[in-house]
């Protein structure tokens, strides 16, 4: 199992050895979870958010074009759960994750859907951290609703822009926190 994840290699007469981190399958949700749990790194979270920035706006754009009625309902339910979390009636973290997963699923693109587990895993860490950085308990439901409204209205350009703005805001915050934590010379 660890060999298939790129963490170990086994060769005859050489034995088993731990591979350098650049050989690890970082897209594997277990590897990503291990990395994030092992020693939290804001740099890793920034890199992950950069990947999200290149994936999720495109998924939102496609979702606005091709989402089925059932998929649109799932996005709407996730937003409803986020509002419930705001009132203390649901879990803020899982409702936020469910929203992002629902958008990936609604894209109709099998490659985006394959990223579901990886994005879900990393969001468990990044949502908590960005909310801590902002000093809030949960993400902006209004910003997420803007994405959902654009998808539900079938406005692909607006859905893409709103999702990009949402993720870019989180990325900008992380970069600022990292700069603030970096000692000045």
C-alpha atoms as a PDB file:
ATOM      1  CA  UNK A   1       0.000   0.000   0.000  1.00  0.00           C
ATOM      2  CA  UNK A   2       2.731   2.506   0.912  1.00  0.00           C
ATOM      3  CA  UNK A   3       4.583   1.612  -2.278  1.00  0.00           C
ATOM      4  CA  UNK A   4       1.548   2.455  -4.417  1.00  0.00           C
ATOM      5  CA  UNK A   5       1.340   5.835  -2.677  1.00  0.00           C
ATOM      6  CA  UNK A   6       4.970   6.569  -3.562  1.00  0.00           C
ATOM      7  CA  UNK A   7       6.170   6.619   0.057  1.00  0.00           C
ATOM      8  CA  UNK A   8       8.283   3.470  -0.135  1.00  0.00           C
ATOM      9  CA  UNK A   9      10.175   1.579  -2.782  1.00  0.00           C
ATOM     10  CA  UNK A  10      11.307  -2.008  -2.589  1.00  0.00           C
ATOM     11  CA  UNK A  11      14.058  -3.407  -4.771  1.00  0.00           C
ATOM     12  CA  UNK A  12      15.718  -6.807  -4.738  1.00  0.00           C
ATOM     13  CA  UNK A  13      19.011  -6.786  -2.853  1.00  0.00           C
ATOM     14  CA  UNK A  14      18.480  -3.161  -1.849  1.00  0.00           C
ATOM     15  CA  UNK A  15      15.571  -3.628   0.516  1.00  0.00           C
ATOM     16  CA  UNK A  16      12.848  -1.169   1.282  1.00  0.00           C
ATOM     17  CA  UNK A  17      13.495   2.535   1.543  1.00  0.00           C
ATOM     18  CA  UNK A  18      11.510   5.681   2.202  1.00  0.00           C
ATOM     19  CA  UNK A  19      11.192   7.792  -0.924  1.00  0.00           C
ATOM     20  CA  UNK A  20      11.738  11.575  -0.955  1.00  0.00           C
ATOM     21  CA  UNK A  21       8.554  13.622  -0.605  1.00  0.00           C
ATOM     22  CA  UNK A  22       8.532  14.606  -4.298  1.00  0.00           C
ATOM     23  CA  UNK A  23       7.862  10.941  -5.161  1.00  0.00           C
ATOM     24  CA  UNK A  24       4.791  10.769  -2.919  1.00  0.00           C
ATOM     25  CA  UNK A  25       1.339  10.760  -4.489  1.00  0.00           C
ATOM     26  CA  UNK A  26       0.088  14.032  -3.019  1.00  0.00           C
ATOM     27  CA  UNK A  27      -3.244  13.615  -4.805  1.00  0.00           C
ATOM     28  CA  UNK A  28      -3.956  10.532  -2.692  1.00  0.00           C
ATOM     29  CA  UNK A  29      -6.317  11.651   0.103  1.00  0.00           C
ATOM     30  CA  UNK A  30      -4.546   9.482   2.694  1.00  0.00           C
ATOM     31  CA  UNK A  31      -1.120  10.884   1.826  1.00  0.00           C
ATOM     32  CA  UNK A  32      -2.501  14.419   1.930  1.00  0.00           C
ATOM     33  CA  UNK A  33      -4.173  13.762   5.296  1.00  0.00           C
ATOM     34  CA  UNK A  34      -0.946  12.278   6.704  1.00  0.00           C
ATOM     35  CA  UNK A  35       1.015  15.297   5.519  1.00  0.00           C
ATOM     36  CA  UNK A  36      -1.444  17.749   7.026  1.00  0.00           C
ATOM     37  CA  UNK A  37      -1.680  15.845  10.321  1.00  0.00           C
ATOM     38  CA  UNK A  38       2.039  15.175  10.596  1.00  0.00           C
ATOM     39  CA  UNK A  39       3.241  18.702  10.795  1.00  0.00           C
ATOM     40  CA  UNK A  40       0.896  21.446   9.701  1.00  0.00           C
ATOM     41  CA  UNK A  41       2.462  23.622   7.036  1.00  0.00           C
ATOM     42  CA  UNK A  42       0.880  26.837   5.855  1.00  0.00           C
ATOM     43  CA  UNK A  43       2.981  26.486   2.693  1.00  0.00           C
ATOM     44  CA  UNK A  44       1.336  23.130   1.925  1.00  0.00           C
ATOM     45  CA  UNK A  45      -2.093  24.630   2.527  1.00  0.00           C
ATOM     46  CA  UNK A  46      -1.266  27.512   0.177  1.00  0.00           C
ATOM     47  CA  UNK A  47      -0.185  25.066  -2.537  1.00  0.00           C
ATOM     48  CA  UNK A  48      -3.376  23.073  -2.060  1.00  0.00           C
ATOM     49  CA  UNK A  49      -5.476  26.240  -2.302  1.00  0.00           C
ATOM     50  CA  UNK A  50      -3.674  27.136  -5.537  1.00  0.00           C
ATOM     51  CA  UNK A  51      -4.803  23.762  -6.934  1.00  0.00           C
ATOM     52  CA  UNK A  52      -8.350  24.475  -5.775  1.00  0.00           C
ATOM     53  CA  UNK A  53      -8.152  27.825  -7.560  1.00  0.00           C
ATOM     54  CA  UNK A  54      -7.380  26.043 -10.815  1.00  0.00           C
ATOM     55  CA  UNK A  55     -10.088  23.369 -10.331  1.00  0.00           C
ATOM     56  CA  UNK A  56     -13.154  24.643  -8.508  1.00  0.00           C
ATOM     57  CA  UNK A  57     -13.990  27.729 -10.618  1.00  0.00           C
ATOM     58  CA  UNK A  58     -14.016  25.495 -13.706  1.00  0.00           C
ATOM     59  CA  UNK A  59     -16.216  22.982 -11.908  1.00  0.00           C
ATOM     60  CA  UNK A  60     -18.630  25.776 -10.920  1.00  0.00           C
ATOM     61  CA  UNK A  61     -18.720  27.006 -14.519  1.00  0.00           C
ATOM     62  CA  UNK A  62     -19.558  23.524 -15.801  1.00  0.00           C
ATOM     63  CA  UNK A  63     -22.083  22.927 -13.028  1.00  0.00           C
ATOM     64  CA  UNK A  64     -24.000  26.029 -14.121  1.00  0.00           C
ATOM     65  CA  UNK A  65     -24.193  24.561 -17.619  1.00  0.00           C
ATOM     66  CA  UNK A  66     -24.847  20.861 -17.026  1.00  0.00           C
ATOM     67  CA  UNK A  67     -26.015  20.172 -13.467  1.00  0.00           C
ATOM     68  CA  UNK A  68     -29.073  17.965 -13.233  1.00  0.00           C
ATOM     69  CA  UNK A  69     -32.060  18.913 -11.121  1.00  0.00           C
ATOM     70  CA  UNK A  70     -30.881  16.513  -8.429  1.00  0.00           C
ATOM     71  CA  UNK A  71     -27.372  18.010  -8.436  1.00  0.00           C
ATOM     72  CA  UNK A  72     -28.768  21.536  -8.234  1.00  0.00           C
ATOM     73  CA  UNK A  73     -30.900  20.412  -5.289  1.00  0.00           C
ATOM     74  CA  UNK A  74     -27.764  19.033  -3.573  1.00  0.00           C
ATOM     75  CA  UNK A  75     -26.033  22.416  -3.972  1.00  0.00           C
ATOM     76  CA  UNK A  76     -29.115  24.154  -2.606  1.00  0.00           C
ATOM     77  CA  UNK A  77     -29.301  21.724   0.355  1.00  0.00           C
ATOM     78  CA  UNK A  78     -25.636  22.363   1.149  1.00  0.00           C
ATOM     79  CA  UNK A  79     -26.277  26.120   1.227  1.00  0.00           C
ATOM     80  CA  UNK A  80     -29.306  25.511   3.431  1.00  0.00           C
ATOM     81  CA  UNK A  81     -27.112  23.506   5.789  1.00  0.00           C
ATOM     82  CA  UNK A  82     -24.549  26.334   5.860  1.00  0.00           C
ATOM     83  CA  UNK A  83     -27.294  28.771   6.895  1.00  0.00           C
ATOM     84  CA  UNK A  84     -28.432  26.245   9.530  1.00  0.00           C
ATOM     85  CA  UNK A  85     -24.825  26.052  10.783  1.00  0.00           C
ATOM     86  CA  UNK A  86     -24.804  29.822  11.065  1.00  0.00           C
ATOM     87  CA  UNK A  87     -27.772  29.472  13.451  1.00  0.00           C
ATOM     88  CA  UNK A  88     -25.991  26.669  15.339  1.00  0.00           C
ATOM     89  CA  UNK A  89     -28.305  23.974  13.946  1.00  0.00           C
ATOM     90  CA  UNK A  90     -25.788  22.105  11.775  1.00  0.00           C
ATOM     91  CA  UNK A  91     -22.069  21.473  11.565  1.00  0.00           C
ATOM     92  CA  UNK A  92     -20.241  24.379   9.915  1.00  0.00           C
ATOM     93  CA  UNK A  93     -17.313  22.305   8.628  1.00  0.00           C
ATOM     94  CA  UNK A  94     -19.266  19.464   7.027  1.00  0.00           C
ATOM     95  CA  UNK A  95     -21.864  21.764   5.493  1.00  0.00           C
ATOM     96  CA  UNK A  96     -19.102  23.859   3.882  1.00  0.00           C
ATOM     97  CA  UNK A  97     -17.330  20.748   2.591  1.00  0.00           C
ATOM     98  CA  UNK A  98     -20.632  19.348   1.300  1.00  0.00           C
ATOM     99  CA  UNK A  99     -21.139  22.525  -0.721  1.00  0.00           C
ATOM    100  CA  UNK A 100     -17.750  22.258  -2.454  1.00  0.00           C
ATOM    101  CA  UNK A 101     -18.234  18.530  -3.080  1.00  0.00           C
ATOM    102  CA  UNK A 102     -21.727  19.136  -4.500  1.00  0.00           C
ATOM    103  CA  UNK A 103     -20.270  21.629  -6.988  1.00  0.00           C
ATOM    104  CA  UNK A 104     -17.587  19.140  -8.089  1.00  0.00           C
ATOM    105  CA  UNK A 105     -20.239  16.433  -8.496  1.00  0.00           C
ATOM    106  CA  UNK A 106     -22.536  18.777 -10.438  1.00  0.00           C
ATOM    107  CA  UNK A 107     -19.795  19.618 -12.946  1.00  0.00           C
ATOM    108  CA  UNK A 108     -20.507  16.426 -14.845  1.00  0.00           C
ATOM    109  CA  UNK A 109     -16.755  16.026 -15.337  1.00  0.00           C
ATOM    110  CA  UNK A 110     -15.369  12.700 -14.156  1.00  0.00           C
ATOM    111  CA  UNK A 111     -11.918  14.192 -13.514  1.00  0.00           C
ATOM    112  CA  UNK A 112     -13.328  16.885 -11.228  1.00  0.00           C
ATOM    113  CA  UNK A 113     -15.435  14.245  -9.473  1.00  0.00           C
ATOM    114  CA  UNK A 114     -12.307  12.133  -8.954  1.00  0.00           C
ATOM    115  CA  UNK A 115     -10.789  15.041  -7.010  1.00  0.00           C
ATOM    116  CA  UNK A 116     -13.661  14.958  -4.529  1.00  0.00           C
ATOM    117  CA  UNK A 117     -11.917  12.909  -1.846  1.00  0.00           C
ATOM    118  CA  UNK A 118      -8.676  14.861  -2.068  1.00  0.00           C
ATOM    119  CA  UNK A 119     -10.443  18.219  -1.877  1.00  0.00           C
ATOM    120  CA  UNK A 120     -12.692  17.005   0.929  1.00  0.00           C
ATOM    121  CA  UNK A 121      -9.653  15.822   2.919  1.00  0.00           C
ATOM    122  CA  UNK A 122      -7.734  19.058   2.523  1.00  0.00           C
ATOM    123  CA  UNK A 123     -10.786  21.228   3.176  1.00  0.00           C
ATOM    124  CA  UNK A 124     -11.078  19.635   6.629  1.00  0.00           C
ATOM    125  CA  UNK A 125      -7.811  21.393   7.459  1.00  0.00           C
ATOM    126  CA  UNK A 126      -7.992  24.540   5.347  1.00  0.00           C
ATOM    127  CA  UNK A 127     -11.492  25.630   6.397  1.00  0.00           C
ATOM    128  CA  UNK A 128     -10.575  25.448  10.073  1.00  0.00           C
ATOM    129  CA  UNK A 129      -7.344  27.350   9.481  1.00  0.00           C
ATOM    130  CA  UNK A 130      -8.806  30.103   7.311  1.00  0.00           C
ATOM    131  CA  UNK A 131     -11.693  30.577   9.748  1.00  0.00           C
ATOM    132  CA  UNK A 132      -9.146  30.821  12.588  1.00  0.00           C
ATOM    133  CA  UNK A 133      -7.134  33.372  10.599  1.00  0.00           C
ATOM    134  CA  UNK A 134     -10.306  35.412  10.001  1.00  0.00           C
ATOM    135  CA  UNK A 135     -11.351  35.043  13.629  1.00  0.00           C
ATOM    136  CA  UNK A 136     -14.714  33.518  12.674  1.00  0.00           C
ATOM    137  CA  UNK A 137     -16.470  30.247  13.454  1.00  0.00           C
ATOM    138  CA  UNK A 138     -17.653  29.529   9.919  1.00  0.00           C
ATOM    139  CA  UNK A 139     -17.093  30.620   6.342  1.00  0.00           C
ATOM    140  CA  UNK A 140     -19.118  33.374   4.711  1.00  0.00           C
ATOM    141  CA  UNK A 141     -22.406  31.755   3.805  1.00  0.00           C
ATOM    142  CA  UNK A 142     -23.310  34.792   1.701  1.00  0.00           C
ATOM    143  CA  UNK A 143     -20.220  34.328  -0.503  1.00  0.00           C
ATOM    144  CA  UNK A 144     -21.013  30.629  -0.951  1.00  0.00           C
ATOM    145  CA  UNK A 145     -24.646  31.461  -1.731  1.00  0.00           C
ATOM    146  CA  UNK A 146     -23.498  33.817  -4.500  1.00  0.00           C
ATOM    147  CA  UNK A 147     -21.729  30.871  -6.128  1.00  0.00           C
ATOM    148  CA  UNK A 148     -24.784  28.658  -5.652  1.00  0.00           C
ATOM    149  CA  UNK A 149     -27.167  31.306  -7.011  1.00  0.00           C
ATOM    150  CA  UNK A 150     -25.077  31.679 -10.169  1.00  0.00           C
ATOM    151  CA  UNK A 151     -24.979  27.900 -10.674  1.00  0.00           C
ATOM    152  CA  UNK A 152     -28.715  27.539 -10.055  1.00  0.00           C
ATOM    153  CA  UNK A 153     -29.404  30.412 -12.482  1.00  0.00           C
ATOM    154  CA  UNK A 154     -27.271  28.712 -15.137  1.00  0.00           C
ATOM    155  CA  UNK A 155     -24.883  31.683 -15.282  1.00  0.00           C
ATOM    156  CA  UNK A 156     -21.602  29.885 -15.933  1.00  0.00           C
ATOM    157  CA  UNK A 157     -19.397  32.999 -16.138  1.00  0.00           C
ATOM    158  CA  UNK A 158     -20.760  34.362 -12.856  1.00  0.00           C
ATOM    159  CA  UNK A 159     -20.448  30.959 -11.145  1.00  0.00           C
ATOM    160  CA  UNK A 160     -16.820  30.721 -12.221  1.00  0.00           C
ATOM    161  CA  UNK A 161     -16.059  34.288 -11.093  1.00  0.00           C
ATOM    162  CA  UNK A 162     -17.789  33.889  -7.722  1.00  0.00           C
ATOM    163  CA  UNK A 163     -16.005  30.613  -6.967  1.00  0.00           C
ATOM    164  CA  UNK A 164     -12.671  32.112  -8.021  1.00  0.00           C
ATOM    165  CA  UNK A 165     -13.278  35.123  -5.753  1.00  0.00           C
ATOM    166  CA  UNK A 166     -14.217  32.853  -2.847  1.00  0.00           C
ATOM    167  CA  UNK A 167     -11.060  30.738  -3.108  1.00  0.00           C
ATOM    168  CA  UNK A 168      -8.796  33.685  -3.979  1.00  0.00           C
ATOM    169  CA  UNK A 169      -9.952  35.399  -0.787  1.00  0.00           C
ATOM    170  CA  UNK A 170      -8.864  32.387   1.260  1.00  0.00           C
ATOM    171  CA  UNK A 171      -5.555  32.195  -0.622  1.00  0.00           C
ATOM    172  CA  UNK A 172      -4.839  35.907  -0.128  1.00  0.00           C
ATOM    173  CA  UNK A 173      -5.494  35.516   3.592  1.00  0.00           C
ATOM    174  CA  UNK A 174      -3.114  32.545   3.864  1.00  0.00           C
ATOM    175  CA  UNK A 175      -0.367  34.362   1.956  1.00  0.00           C
ATOM    176  CA  UNK A 176      -0.768  37.389   4.237  1.00  0.00           C
ATOM    177  CA  UNK A 177      -0.599  35.225   7.376  1.00  0.00           C
ATOM    178  CA  UNK A 178       2.484  33.462   6.016  1.00  0.00           C
ATOM    179  CA  UNK A 179       4.153  36.822   5.288  1.00  0.00           C
ATOM    180  CA  UNK A 180       3.292  38.028   8.797  1.00  0.00           C
ATOM    181  CA  UNK A 181       4.845  34.864  10.264  1.00  0.00           C
ATOM    182  CA  UNK A 182       8.044  35.168   8.237  1.00  0.00           C
ATOM    183  CA  UNK A 183      10.771  36.913  10.245  1.00  0.00           C
ATOM    184  CA  UNK A 184      11.980  40.151   8.667  1.00  0.00           C
ATOM    185  CA  UNK A 185      15.713  40.521   8.065  1.00  0.00           C
END
